[in-house]
Amino acid sequence: RGAIKIVLDLVGGPPASFGQPTTECVRDRPWFRL
């Protein structure tokens, strides 16, 4: 019983807390935020 809100948007890059990705070029792309 309650409400669930699902939001999908596009951000400029990974969050500040994100570590080193597997491929370096991934960091320079836009990222989805769900």
PDB file of all heavy atoms in Angstrom:
ATOM      1  N   ARG A   1       0.857  -1.196   0.000  1.00  0.00           N
ATOM      2  CA  ARG A   1       0.000   0.000   0.000  1.00  0.00           C
ATOM      3  C   ARG A   1       0.889   1.239   0.000  1.00  0.00           C
ATOM      4  O   ARG A   1       1.684   1.427   0.915  1.00  0.00           O
ATOM      5  CB  ARG A   1      -0.912   0.004   1.219  1.00  0.00           C
ATOM      6  CG  ARG A   1      -1.898   1.163   1.268  1.00  0.00           C
ATOM      7  CD  ARG A   1      -2.770   1.052   2.505  1.00  0.00           C
ATOM      8  NE  ARG A   1      -3.555  -0.171   2.491  1.00  0.00           N
ATOM      9  CZ  ARG A   1      -4.742  -0.295   1.882  1.00  0.00           C
ATOM     10  NH1 ARG A   1      -5.265   0.750   1.256  1.00  0.00           N
ATOM     11  NH2 ARG A   1      -5.383  -1.438   1.927  1.00  0.00           N
ATOM     12  N   GLY A   2       0.771   2.073  -1.069  1.00  0.00           N
ATOM     13  CA  GLY A   2       1.583   3.274  -1.153  1.00  0.00           C
ATOM     14  C   GLY A   2       1.825   3.671  -2.594  1.00  0.00           C
ATOM     15  O   GLY A   2       1.115   3.239  -3.513  1.00  0.00           O
ATOM     16  N   ALA A   3       2.843   4.508  -2.806  1.00  0.00           N
ATOM     17  CA  ALA A   3       3.135   5.039  -4.138  1.00  0.00           C
ATOM     18  C   ALA A   3       4.600   4.797  -4.473  1.00  0.00           C
ATOM     19  O   ALA A   3       5.477   4.956  -3.628  1.00  0.00           O
ATOM     20  CB  ALA A   3       2.816   6.532  -4.214  1.00  0.00           C
ATOM     21  N   ILE A   4       4.841   4.401  -5.736  1.00  0.00           N
ATOM     22  CA  ILE A   4       6.189   4.205  -6.254  1.00  0.00           C
ATOM     23  C   ILE A   4       6.388   5.182  -7.413  1.00  0.00           C
ATOM     24  O   ILE A   4       5.550   5.252  -8.322  1.00  0.00           O
ATOM     25  CB  ILE A   4       6.402   2.755  -6.745  1.00  0.00           C
ATOM     26  CG1 ILE A   4       6.186   1.764  -5.599  1.00  0.00           C
ATOM     27  CG2 ILE A   4       7.799   2.583  -7.325  1.00  0.00           C
ATOM     28  CD1 ILE A   4       6.232   0.310  -6.039  1.00  0.00           C
ATOM     29  N   LYS A   5       7.496   5.903  -7.380  1.00  0.00           N
ATOM     30  CA  LYS A   5       7.789   6.863  -8.447  1.00  0.00           C
ATOM     31  C   LYS A   5       9.068   6.441  -9.147  1.00  0.00           C
ATOM     32  O   LYS A   5      10.100   6.233  -8.523  1.00  0.00           O
ATOM     33  CB  LYS A   5       7.945   8.269  -7.876  1.00  0.00           C
ATOM     34  CG  LYS A   5       8.137   9.338  -8.959  1.00  0.00           C
ATOM     35  CD  LYS A   5       8.161  10.739  -8.367  1.00  0.00           C
ATOM     36  CE  LYS A   5       8.297  11.798  -9.465  1.00  0.00           C
ATOM     37  NZ  LYS A   5       8.308  13.165  -8.923  1.00  0.00           N
ATOM     38  N   ILE A   6       8.977   6.295 -10.483  1.00  0.00           N
ATOM     39  CA  ILE A   6      10.111   5.888 -11.311  1.00  0.00           C
ATOM     40  C   ILE A   6      10.464   7.056 -12.231  1.00  0.00           C
ATOM     41  O   ILE A   6       9.615   7.539 -12.993  1.00  0.00           O
ATOM     42  CB  ILE A   6       9.767   4.635 -12.134  1.00  0.00           C
ATOM     43  CG1 ILE A   6       9.334   3.493 -11.203  1.00  0.00           C
ATOM     44  CG2 ILE A   6      10.948   4.206 -12.993  1.00  0.00           C
ATOM     45  CD1 ILE A   6       8.796   2.281 -11.936  1.00  0.00           C
ATOM     46  N   VAL A   7      11.711   7.508 -12.150  1.00  0.00           N
ATOM     47  CA  VAL A   7      12.154   8.668 -12.942  1.00  0.00           C
ATOM     48  C   VAL A   7      13.397   8.262 -13.723  1.00  0.00           C
ATOM     49  O   VAL A   7      14.340   7.688 -13.157  1.00  0.00           O
ATOM     50  CB  VAL A   7      12.461   9.882 -12.039  1.00  0.00           C
ATOM     51  CG1 VAL A   7      12.952  11.052 -12.879  1.00  0.00           C
ATOM     52  CG2 VAL A   7      11.232  10.273 -11.230  1.00  0.00           C
ATOM     53  N   LEU A   8      13.394   8.579 -15.029  1.00  0.00           N
ATOM     54  CA  LEU A   8      14.555   8.330 -15.883  1.00  0.00           C
ATOM     55  C   LEU A   8      14.950   9.642 -16.543  1.00  0.00           C
ATOM     56  O   LEU A   8      14.135  10.286 -17.205  1.00  0.00           O
ATOM     57  CB  LEU A   8      14.232   7.278 -16.957  1.00  0.00           C
ATOM     58  CG  LEU A   8      15.358   6.968 -17.941  1.00  0.00           C
ATOM     59  CD1 LEU A   8      16.523   6.286 -17.210  1.00  0.00           C
ATOM     60  CD2 LEU A   8      14.860   6.096 -19.097  1.00  0.00           C
ATOM     61  N   ASP A   9      16.201  10.042 -16.348  1.00  0.00           N
ATOM     62  CA  ASP A   9      16.689  11.250 -17.013  1.00  0.00           C
ATOM     63  C   ASP A   9      18.142  11.033 -17.416  1.00  0.00           C
ATOM     64  O   ASP A   9      18.740   9.992 -17.127  1.00  0.00           O
ATOM     65  CB  ASP A   9      16.526  12.491 -16.121  1.00  0.00           C
ATOM     66  CG  ASP A   9      17.159  12.311 -14.753  1.00  0.00           C
ATOM     67  OD1 ASP A   9      17.833  11.279 -14.545  1.00  0.00           O
ATOM     68  OD2 ASP A   9      17.000  13.178 -13.879  1.00  0.00           O
ATOM     69  N   LEU A  10      18.700  12.048 -18.099  1.00  0.00           N
ATOM     70  CA  LEU A  10      20.061  11.961 -18.631  1.00  0.00           C
ATOM     71  C   LEU A  10      20.927  12.994 -17.937  1.00  0.00           C
ATOM     72  O   LEU A  10      20.533  14.157 -17.793  1.00  0.00           O
ATOM     73  CB  LEU A  10      20.043  12.204 -20.146  1.00  0.00           C
ATOM     74  CG  LEU A  10      21.225  11.688 -20.960  1.00  0.00           C
ATOM     75  CD1 LEU A  10      21.305  10.177 -20.873  1.00  0.00           C
ATOM     76  CD2 LEU A  10      21.094  12.124 -22.419  1.00  0.00           C
ATOM     77  N   VAL A  11      22.113  12.566 -17.493  1.00  0.00           N
ATOM     78  CA  VAL A  11      23.039  13.470 -16.809  1.00  0.00           C
ATOM     79  C   VAL A  11      24.362  13.472 -17.561  1.00  0.00           C
ATOM     80  O   VAL A  11      24.604  12.636 -18.444  1.00  0.00           O
ATOM     81  CB  VAL A  11      23.250  13.050 -15.338  1.00  0.00           C
ATOM     82  CG1 VAL A  11      21.972  13.209 -14.534  1.00  0.00           C
ATOM     83  CG2 VAL A  11      23.761  11.623 -15.252  1.00  0.00           C
ATOM     84  N   GLY A  12      25.227  14.408 -17.180  1.00  0.00           N
ATOM     85  CA  GLY A  12      26.454  14.607 -17.941  1.00  0.00           C
ATOM     86  C   GLY A  12      27.504  13.537 -17.739  1.00  0.00           C
ATOM     87  O   GLY A  12      28.383  13.349 -18.585  1.00  0.00           O
ATOM     88  N   GLY A  13      27.468  12.790 -16.633  1.00  0.00           N
ATOM     89  CA  GLY A  13      28.491  11.789 -16.374  1.00  0.00           C
ATOM     90  C   GLY A  13      28.163  10.996 -15.129  1.00  0.00           C
ATOM     91  O   GLY A  13      27.064  11.119 -14.568  1.00  0.00           O
ATOM     92  N   PRO A  14      29.082  10.164 -14.690  1.00  0.00           N
ATOM     93  CA  PRO A  14      28.829   9.334 -13.507  1.00  0.00           C
ATOM     94  C   PRO A  14      28.795  10.187 -12.249  1.00  0.00           C
ATOM     95  O   PRO A  14      29.277  11.327 -12.232  1.00  0.00           O
ATOM     96  CB  PRO A  14      30.010   8.369 -13.495  1.00  0.00           C
ATOM     97  CG  PRO A  14      31.107   9.119 -14.178  1.00  0.00           C
ATOM     98  CD  PRO A  14      30.440   9.955 -15.237  1.00  0.00           C
ATOM     99  N   PRO A  15      28.231   9.654 -11.154  1.00  0.00           N
ATOM    100  CA  PRO A  15      28.219  10.407  -9.891  1.00  0.00           C
ATOM    101  C   PRO A  15      29.627  10.564  -9.340  1.00  0.00           C
ATOM    102  O   PRO A  15      30.559   9.856  -9.714  1.00  0.00           O
ATOM    103  CB  PRO A  15      27.346   9.537  -8.977  1.00  0.00           C
ATOM    104  CG  PRO A  15      27.484   8.155  -9.521  1.00  0.00           C
ATOM    105  CD  PRO A  15      27.598   8.323 -11.015  1.00  0.00           C
ATOM    106  N   ALA A  16      29.789  11.508  -8.404  1.00  0.00           N
ATOM    107  CA  ALA A  16      31.114  11.785  -7.838  1.00  0.00           C
ATOM    108  C   ALA A  16      31.665  10.586  -7.074  1.00  0.00           C
ATOM    109  O   ALA A  16      32.879  10.387  -6.997  1.00  0.00           O
ATOM    110  CB  ALA A  16      31.036  13.007  -6.916  1.00  0.00           C
ATOM    111  N   SER A  17      30.761   9.764  -6.518  1.00  0.00           N
ATOM    112  CA  SER A  17      31.203   8.611  -5.725  1.00  0.00           C
ATOM    113  C   SER A  17      31.597   7.427  -6.589  1.00  0.00           C
ATOM    114  O   SER A  17      32.066   6.412  -6.071  1.00  0.00           O
ATOM    115  CB  SER A  17      30.083   8.175  -4.767  1.00  0.00           C
ATOM    116  OG  SER A  17      28.913   7.820  -5.496  1.00  0.00           O
ATOM    117  N   PHE A  18      31.427   7.537  -7.902  1.00  0.00           N
ATOM    118  CA  PHE A  18      31.696   6.405  -8.781  1.00  0.00           C
ATOM    119  C   PHE A  18      33.196   6.189  -8.922  1.00  0.00           C
ATOM    120  O   PHE A  18      33.967   7.125  -9.097  1.00  0.00           O
ATOM    121  CB  PHE A  18      31.069   6.661 -10.161  1.00  0.00           C
ATOM    122  CG  PHE A  18      31.175   5.484 -11.108  1.00  0.00           C
ATOM    123  CD1 PHE A  18      30.515   4.306 -10.820  1.00  0.00           C
ATOM    124  CD2 PHE A  18      31.925   5.564 -12.261  1.00  0.00           C
ATOM    125  CE1 PHE A  18      30.592   3.227 -11.686  1.00  0.00           C
ATOM    126  CE2 PHE A  18      32.014   4.498 -13.128  1.00  0.00           C
ATOM    127  CZ  PHE A  18      31.339   3.326 -12.844  1.00  0.00           C
ATOM    128  N   GLY A  19      33.610   4.913  -8.868  1.00  0.00           N
ATOM    129  CA  GLY A  19      35.025   4.588  -8.982  1.00  0.00           C
ATOM    130  C   GLY A  19      35.477   4.544 -10.424  1.00  0.00           C
ATOM    131  O   GLY A  19      34.830   5.056 -11.334  1.00  0.00           O
ATOM    132  N   GLN A  20      36.605   3.922 -10.649  1.00  0.00           N
ATOM    133  CA  GLN A  20      37.186   3.832 -11.983  1.00  0.00           C
ATOM    134  C   GLN A  20      36.389   2.837 -12.826  1.00  0.00           C
ATOM    135  O   GLN A  20      36.253   1.678 -12.478  1.00  0.00           O
ATOM    136  CB  GLN A  20      38.648   3.374 -11.895  1.00  0.00           C
ATOM    137  CG  GLN A  20      39.367   3.369 -13.222  1.00  0.00           C
ATOM    138  CD  GLN A  20      39.571   4.772 -13.781  1.00  0.00           C
ATOM    139  OE1 GLN A  20      39.538   5.745 -13.034  1.00  0.00           O
ATOM    140  NE2 GLN A  20      39.734   4.869 -15.083  1.00  0.00           N
ATOM    141  N   PRO A  21      35.814   3.245 -13.985  1.00  0.00           N
ATOM    142  CA  PRO A  21      35.071   2.325 -14.826  1.00  0.00           C
ATOM    143  C   PRO A  21      36.007   1.364 -15.535  1.00  0.00           C
ATOM    144  O   PRO A  21      37.214   1.543 -15.580  1.00  0.00           O
ATOM    145  CB  PRO A  21      34.355   3.246 -15.820  1.00  0.00           C
ATOM    146  CG  PRO A  21      35.231   4.451 -15.901  1.00  0.00           C
ATOM    147  CD  PRO A  21      35.842   4.608 -14.546  1.00  0.00           C
ATOM    148  N   THR A  22      35.383   0.318 -16.135  1.00  0.00           N
ATOM    149  CA  THR A  22      36.179  -0.687 -16.841  1.00  0.00           C
ATOM    150  C   THR A  22      36.890  -0.083 -18.043  1.00  0.00           C
ATOM    151  O   THR A  22      38.042  -0.371 -18.326  1.00  0.00           O
ATOM    152  CB  THR A  22      35.260  -1.835 -17.284  1.00  0.00           C
ATOM    153  OG1 THR A  22      34.604  -2.371 -16.153  1.00  0.00           O
ATOM    154  CG2 THR A  22      36.064  -2.939 -17.958  1.00  0.00           C
ATOM    155  N   THR A  23      36.211   0.773 -18.774  1.00  0.00           N
ATOM    156  CA  THR A  23      36.807   1.455 -19.931  1.00  0.00           C
ATOM    157  C   THR A  23      36.802   2.947 -19.671  1.00  0.00           C
ATOM    158  O   THR A  23      35.791   3.506 -19.242  1.00  0.00           O
ATOM    159  CB  THR A  23      36.028   1.127 -21.212  1.00  0.00           C
ATOM    160  OG1 THR A  23      34.647   1.450 -21.029  1.00  0.00           O
ATOM    161  CG2 THR A  23      36.134  -0.361 -21.533  1.00  0.00           C
ATOM    162  N   GLU A  24      37.907   3.591 -19.982  1.00  0.00           N
ATOM    163  CA  GLU A  24      38.065   5.007 -19.643  1.00  0.00           C
ATOM    164  C   GLU A  24      37.098   5.886 -20.413  1.00  0.00           C
ATOM    165  O   GLU A  24      36.610   6.897 -19.909  1.00  0.00           O
ATOM    166  CB  GLU A  24      39.511   5.423 -19.926  1.00  0.00           C
ATOM    167  CG  GLU A  24      39.864   6.811 -19.393  1.00  0.00           C
ATOM    168  CD  GLU A  24      39.784   6.888 -17.887  1.00  0.00           C
ATOM    169  OE1 GLU A  24      40.040   5.863 -17.225  1.00  0.00           O
ATOM    170  OE2 GLU A  24      39.438   7.951 -17.354  1.00  0.00           O
ATOM    171  N   CYS A  25      36.768   5.463 -21.680  1.00  0.00           N
ATOM    172  CA  CYS A  25      35.919   6.334 -22.495  1.00  0.00           C
ATOM    173  C   CYS A  25      34.494   6.401 -21.978  1.00  0.00           C
ATOM    174  O   CYS A  25      33.737   7.299 -22.340  1.00  0.00           O
ATOM    175  CB  CYS A  25      35.923   5.855 -23.946  1.00  0.00           C
ATOM    176  SG  CYS A  25      35.303   4.164 -24.129  1.00  0.00           S
ATOM    177  N   VAL A  26      34.095   5.438 -21.115  1.00  0.00           N
ATOM    178  CA  VAL A  26      32.745   5.448 -20.570  1.00  0.00           C
ATOM    179  C   VAL A  26      32.499   6.696 -19.736  1.00  0.00           C
ATOM    180  O   VAL A  26      31.414   7.259 -19.725  1.00  0.00           O
ATOM    181  CB  VAL A  26      32.511   4.165 -19.740  1.00  0.00           C
ATOM    182  CG1 VAL A  26      31.235   4.265 -18.941  1.00  0.00           C
ATOM    183  CG2 VAL A  26      32.468   2.962 -20.658  1.00  0.00           C
ATOM    184  N   ARG A  27      33.544   7.204 -19.077  1.00  0.00           N
ATOM    185  CA  ARG A  27      33.376   8.358 -18.188  1.00  0.00           C
ATOM    186  C   ARG A  27      32.985   9.617 -18.958  1.00  0.00           C
ATOM    187  O   ARG A  27      32.296  10.489 -18.414  1.00  0.00           O
ATOM    188  CB  ARG A  27      34.671   8.571 -17.404  1.00  0.00           C
ATOM    189  CG  ARG A  27      34.625   9.705 -16.408  1.00  0.00           C
ATOM    190  CD  ARG A  27      35.919   9.823 -15.642  1.00  0.00           C
ATOM    191  NE  ARG A  27      36.136   8.684 -14.764  1.00  0.00           N
ATOM    192  CZ  ARG A  27      35.610   8.594 -13.542  1.00  0.00           C
ATOM    193  NH1 ARG A  27      34.842   9.567 -13.077  1.00  0.00           N
ATOM    194  NH2 ARG A  27      35.850   7.551 -12.794  1.00  0.00           N
ATOM    195  N   ASP A  28      33.400   9.712 -20.194  1.00  0.00           N
ATOM    196  CA  ASP A  28      33.158  10.941 -20.958  1.00  0.00           C
ATOM    197  C   ASP A  28      31.805  10.961 -21.653  1.00  0.00           C
ATOM    198  O   ASP A  28      31.461  11.941 -22.312  1.00  0.00           O
ATOM    199  CB  ASP A  28      34.266  11.107 -22.010  1.00  0.00           C
ATOM    200  CG  ASP A  28      35.650  11.183 -21.370  1.00  0.00           C
ATOM    201  OD1 ASP A  28      35.716  11.704 -20.242  1.00  0.00           O
ATOM    202  OD2 ASP A  28      36.621  10.701 -21.985  1.00  0.00           O
ATOM    203  N   ARG A  29      31.022   9.904 -21.567  1.00  0.00           N
ATOM    204  CA  ARG A  29      29.724   9.845 -22.237  1.00  0.00           C
ATOM    205  C   ARG A  29      28.619  10.328 -21.312  1.00  0.00           C
ATOM    206  O   ARG A  29      28.782  10.359 -20.090  1.00  0.00           O
ATOM    207  CB  ARG A  29      29.420   8.402 -22.663  1.00  0.00           C
ATOM    208  CG  ARG A  29      30.400   7.833 -23.671  1.00  0.00           C
ATOM    209  CD  ARG A  29      30.053   6.389 -23.929  1.00  0.00           C
ATOM    210  NE  ARG A  29      31.033   5.749 -24.796  1.00  0.00           N
ATOM    211  CZ  ARG A  29      31.063   4.457 -25.047  1.00  0.00           C
ATOM    212  NH1 ARG A  29      30.177   3.660 -24.480  1.00  0.00           N
ATOM    213  NH2 ARG A  29      31.976   3.954 -25.857  1.00  0.00           N
ATOM    214  N   PRO A  30      27.449  10.650 -21.881  1.00  0.00           N
ATOM    215  CA  PRO A  30      26.275  10.919 -21.030  1.00  0.00           C
ATOM    216  C   PRO A  30      25.861   9.641 -20.296  1.00  0.00           C
ATOM    217  O   PRO A  30      26.081   8.533 -20.781  1.00  0.00           O
ATOM    218  CB  PRO A  30      25.204  11.373 -22.022  1.00  0.00           C
ATOM    219  CG  PRO A  30      25.952  11.776 -23.248  1.00  0.00           C
ATOM    220  CD  PRO A  30      27.180  10.916 -23.308  1.00  0.00           C
ATOM    221  N   TRP A  31      25.265   9.821 -19.161  1.00  0.00           N
ATOM    222  CA  TRP A  31      24.817   8.689 -18.344  1.00  0.00           C
ATOM    223  C   TRP A  31      23.325   8.806 -18.070  1.00  0.00           C
ATOM    224  O   TRP A  31      22.780   9.901 -17.885  1.00  0.00           O
ATOM    225  CB  TRP A  31      25.556   8.657 -17.007  1.00  0.00           C
ATOM    226  CG  TRP A  31      26.977   8.147 -17.102  1.00  0.00           C
ATOM    227  CD1 TRP A  31      27.960   8.604 -17.926  1.00  0.00           C
ATOM    228  CD2 TRP A  31      27.546   7.093 -16.336  1.00  0.00           C
ATOM    229  NE1 TRP A  31      29.125   7.924 -17.736  1.00  0.00           N
ATOM    230  CE2 TRP A  31      28.899   6.960 -16.747  1.00  0.00           C
ATOM    231  CE3 TRP A  31      27.075   6.242 -15.350  1.00  0.00           C
ATOM    232  CZ2 TRP A  31      29.764   6.029 -16.209  1.00  0.00           C
ATOM    233  CZ3 TRP A  31      27.925   5.316 -14.798  1.00  0.00           C
ATOM    234  CH2 TRP A  31      29.262   5.202 -15.231  1.00  0.00           C
ATOM    235  N   PHE A  32      22.646   7.657 -18.094  1.00  0.00           N
ATOM    236  CA  PHE A  32      21.260   7.622 -17.638  1.00  0.00           C
ATOM    237  C   PHE A  32      21.229   7.556 -16.112  1.00  0.00           C
ATOM    238  O   PHE A  32      22.068   6.902 -15.485  1.00  0.00           O
ATOM    239  CB  PHE A  32      20.532   6.384 -18.192  1.00  0.00           C
ATOM    240  CG  PHE A  32      20.111   6.518 -19.626  1.00  0.00           C
ATOM    241  CD1 PHE A  32      20.743   5.792 -20.622  1.00  0.00           C
ATOM    242  CD2 PHE A  32      19.085   7.375 -19.978  1.00  0.00           C
ATOM    243  CE1 PHE A  32      20.363   5.904 -21.941  1.00  0.00           C
ATOM    244  CE2 PHE A  32      18.692   7.495 -21.298  1.00  0.00           C
ATOM    245  CZ  PHE A  32      19.336   6.764 -22.287  1.00  0.00           C
ATOM    246  N   ARG A  33      20.238   8.232 -15.551  1.00  0.00           N
ATOM    247  CA  ARG A  33      20.000   8.153 -14.106  1.00  0.00           C
ATOM    248  C   ARG A  33      18.573   7.665 -13.888  1.00  0.00           C
ATOM    249  O   ARG A  33      17.611   8.331 -14.267  1.00  0.00           O
ATOM    250  CB  ARG A  33      20.210   9.504 -13.433  1.00  0.00           C
ATOM    251  CG  ARG A  33      19.991   9.451 -11.906  1.00  0.00           C
ATOM    252  CD  ARG A  33      20.351  10.771 -11.257  1.00  0.00           C
ATOM    253  NE  ARG A  33      19.507  11.858 -11.761  1.00  0.00           N
ATOM    254  CZ  ARG A  33      19.731  13.154 -11.546  1.00  0.00           C
ATOM    255  NH1 ARG A  33      20.793  13.522 -10.843  1.00  0.00           N
ATOM    256  NH2 ARG A  33      18.926  14.063 -12.047  1.00  0.00           N
ATOM    257  N   LEU A  34      18.462   6.480 -13.317  1.00  0.00           N
ATOM    258  CA  LEU A  34      17.161   5.862 -13.039  1.00  0.00           C
ATOM    259  C   LEU A  34      16.957   5.832 -11.521  1.00  0.00           C
ATOM    260  O   LEU A  34      17.791   5.293 -10.790  1.00  0.00           O
ATOM    261  CB  LEU A  34      17.124   4.434 -13.591  1.00  0.00           C
ATOM    262  CG  LEU A  34      15.923   3.575 -13.192  1.00  0.00           C
ATOM    263  CD1 LEU A  34      14.627   4.137 -13.762  1.00  0.00           C
ATOM    264  CD2 LEU A  34      16.124   2.124 -13.644  1.00  0.00           C
TER     265      LEU A  34
END
